Amino acid sequence: KCSFNINNTSKTLSIREDKPLLFVIREEFGFTGTKLGCGLEQCGSCAVLVDGEKKLTCNALAKDFQNRQIVTIEGLGDDKGLNSVQKAFKRFNAAQCGYCTSGIIISLTAAFNQNSNPTKDDIIASLEGHLCRCGSHNSIFQAIESIKNELA
């Protein structure tokens, strides 16, 4: 039995010892915005925030994340709506197929949580390990610049 808190929803579950966190998030909690991409922690589609830090979940054992604060793409906003990164992505249509988008938004949210005015190098470093096959990088950088301009 393991206790999890995902997007402020707590559950105690009986799970296999080798079950990855990604599948607890998707199957047990129903938060399907976190995606299985490569299954090798190389594409970033499975990224979530764990205690405010970006964590890839496709190979992370769920049992190691008991009683931690886990936030998926669905949990980023609040009762007022989307967070600033989500709003910027929407405004600049910073996605094409959208498969990688939740992981990228999670990563950028973590970057802005750590530094409200990240440099371009900080942004690039935060996106390391995220693969967008569609090539929406230009729109992503426009969205990020808009956030930085709003915060300035």
Protein backbone atom coordinates (compact mmCIF):
# COMPACT_ATOMS: atom_id res chain seq x y z
CA LYS A 1 0.00 0.00 0.00
CA CYS A 2 1.22 3.44 -0.95
CA SER A 3 -0.19 6.92 -0.27
CA PHE A 4 -0.05 9.53 -3.00
CA ASN A 5 -1.04 13.18 -3.32
CA ILE A 6 -1.49 14.18 -6.95
CA ASN A 7 -3.03 17.55 -7.83
CA ASN A 8 -4.25 17.85 -4.22
CA THR A 9 -6.09 14.53 -4.46
CA SER A 10 -4.93 11.93 -1.94
CA LYS A 11 -5.33 8.18 -2.31
CA THR A 12 -3.90 5.09 -0.69
CA LEU A 13 -3.43 2.36 -3.27
CA SER A 14 -2.24 -1.20 -3.47
CA ILE A 15 0.25 -1.24 -6.32
CA ARG A 16 2.95 -3.52 -7.67
CA GLU A 17 6.38 -2.67 -6.31
CA ASP A 18 7.72 -2.04 -9.82
CA LYS A 19 4.86 0.18 -11.06
CA PRO A 20 6.14 3.44 -12.58
CA LEU A 21 4.73 6.69 -11.26
CA LEU A 22 3.45 7.57 -14.74
CA PHE A 23 0.96 4.70 -14.62
CA VAL A 24 -0.26 5.61 -11.13
CA ILE A 25 -0.91 9.14 -12.41
CA ARG A 26 -2.75 7.98 -15.53
CA GLU A 27 -4.47 4.77 -14.43
CA GLU A 28 -5.17 5.30 -10.74
CA PHE A 29 -5.82 9.06 -10.73
CA GLY A 30 -7.07 9.55 -14.30
CA PHE A 31 -4.73 12.46 -15.12
CA THR A 32 -3.94 11.66 -18.74
CA GLY A 33 -2.15 14.88 -19.67
CA THR A 34 1.11 13.25 -18.59
CA LYS A 35 2.16 11.10 -21.55
CA LEU A 36 4.25 8.02 -22.19
CA GLY A 37 6.55 8.95 -25.04
CA CYS A 38 9.79 7.04 -25.29
CA GLY A 39 9.70 5.15 -21.99
CA LEU A 40 13.41 5.92 -21.59
CA GLU A 41 13.33 9.36 -19.90
CA GLN A 42 14.62 10.93 -23.10
CA CYS A 43 11.64 12.80 -24.56
CA GLY A 44 10.18 14.64 -21.54
CA SER A 45 6.50 13.85 -22.25
CA CYS A 46 6.15 12.23 -18.82
CA ALA A 47 7.34 15.26 -16.80
CA VAL A 48 5.51 16.33 -13.64
CA LEU A 49 6.40 18.51 -10.67
CA VAL A 50 7.37 16.67 -7.49
CA ASP A 51 7.68 19.04 -4.55
CA GLY A 52 8.11 21.83 -7.12
CA GLU A 53 10.91 20.14 -9.09
CA LYS A 54 10.59 18.63 -12.57
CA LYS A 55 10.67 14.85 -12.51
CA LEU A 56 10.34 12.35 -15.36
CA THR A 57 7.93 9.58 -14.41
CA CYS A 58 8.05 6.85 -17.04
CA ASN A 59 10.75 4.88 -15.18
CA ALA A 60 10.45 6.34 -11.68
CA LEU A 61 9.07 3.80 -9.22
CA ALA A 62 5.81 5.08 -7.78
CA LYS A 63 6.59 3.69 -4.33
CA ASP A 64 9.44 6.21 -4.06
CA PHE A 65 7.00 9.15 -4.32
CA GLN A 66 4.72 8.44 -1.40
CA ASN A 67 3.56 11.48 0.57
CA ARG A 68 5.13 13.92 -1.90
CA GLN A 69 3.31 16.78 -3.62
CA ILE A 70 2.91 15.73 -7.25
CA VAL A 71 1.48 18.17 -9.79
CA THR A 72 0.59 17.25 -13.37
CA ILE A 73 -0.42 19.54 -16.23
CA GLU A 74 -4.01 19.31 -14.97
CA GLY A 75 -2.99 20.65 -11.57
CA LEU A 76 -1.01 23.72 -12.67
CA GLY A 77 -3.88 26.16 -12.88
CA ASP A 78 -6.07 27.35 -10.05
CA ASP A 79 -9.68 28.38 -9.61
CA LYS A 80 -8.90 31.50 -11.68
CA GLY A 81 -7.73 29.47 -14.67
CA LEU A 82 -4.50 28.50 -16.38
CA ASN A 83 -1.06 29.36 -15.04
CA SER A 84 1.08 31.94 -16.88
CA VAL A 85 2.96 29.36 -18.98
CA GLN A 86 -0.27 27.67 -20.06
CA LYS A 87 -1.82 31.04 -20.95
CA ALA A 88 1.22 32.01 -23.03
CA PHE A 89 1.19 28.68 -24.87
CA LYS A 90 -2.49 29.17 -25.65
CA ARG A 91 -2.00 32.78 -26.78
CA PHE A 92 0.91 31.89 -29.09
CA ASN A 93 -0.47 28.50 -30.19
CA ALA A 94 2.85 27.05 -29.04
CA ALA A 95 2.06 23.47 -29.94
CA GLN A 96 1.34 21.47 -33.02
CA CYS A 97 0.39 17.88 -32.27
CA GLY A 98 0.51 18.65 -28.54
CA TYR A 99 1.98 15.34 -27.41
CA CYS A 100 5.09 16.89 -25.85
CA THR A 101 3.37 20.06 -24.71
CA SER A 102 2.42 19.04 -21.18
CA GLY A 103 5.99 18.02 -20.36
CA ILE A 104 7.38 21.25 -21.82
CA ILE A 105 4.88 23.36 -19.86
CA ILE A 106 5.77 21.49 -16.66
CA SER A 107 9.47 22.09 -17.28
CA LEU A 108 9.01 25.79 -18.01
CA THR A 109 6.76 26.20 -14.98
CA ALA A 110 9.52 24.72 -12.81
CA ALA A 111 12.03 27.11 -14.41
CA PHE A 112 9.84 30.16 -13.71
CA ASN A 113 9.15 28.94 -10.17
CA GLN A 114 12.90 28.84 -9.53
CA ASN A 115 13.67 32.15 -11.26
CA SER A 116 10.99 34.64 -12.28
CA ASN A 117 13.30 36.13 -14.90
CA PRO A 118 15.21 33.25 -16.48
CA THR A 119 17.74 33.95 -19.20
CA LYS A 120 17.50 32.33 -22.62
CA ASP A 121 20.23 29.92 -21.50
CA ASP A 122 18.15 29.05 -18.41
CA ILE A 123 15.14 28.36 -20.63
CA ILE A 124 17.17 26.22 -23.02
CA ALA A 125 18.63 24.29 -20.07
CA SER A 126 15.14 23.70 -18.64
CA LEU A 127 14.02 22.27 -21.99
CA GLU A 128 16.95 19.89 -22.21
CA GLY A 129 15.61 16.39 -22.67
CA HIS A 130 12.34 17.52 -24.24
CA LEU A 131 11.71 16.35 -27.75
CA CYS A 132 9.26 18.13 -30.03
CA ARG A 133 9.11 16.35 -33.34
CA CYS A 134 6.73 18.91 -34.84
CA GLY A 135 9.15 21.81 -34.50
CA SER A 136 7.02 24.28 -32.53
CA HIS A 137 10.16 25.68 -30.90
CA ASN A 138 9.76 29.18 -32.36
CA SER A 139 6.24 29.53 -30.94
CA ILE A 140 7.43 28.18 -27.60
CA PHE A 141 10.15 30.85 -27.40
CA GLN A 142 7.65 33.58 -28.36
CA ALA A 143 5.38 32.40 -25.55
CA ILE A 144 8.26 32.43 -23.06
CA GLU A 145 9.36 35.92 -24.10
CA SER A 146 5.80 37.14 -23.55
CA ILE A 147 5.87 35.81 -19.98
CA LYS A 148 9.20 37.47 -19.31
CA ASN A 149 7.87 40.78 -20.70
CA GLU A 150 4.77 40.57 -18.48
CA LEU A 151 6.90 39.96 -15.40
CA ALA A 152 9.37 42.75 -16.21
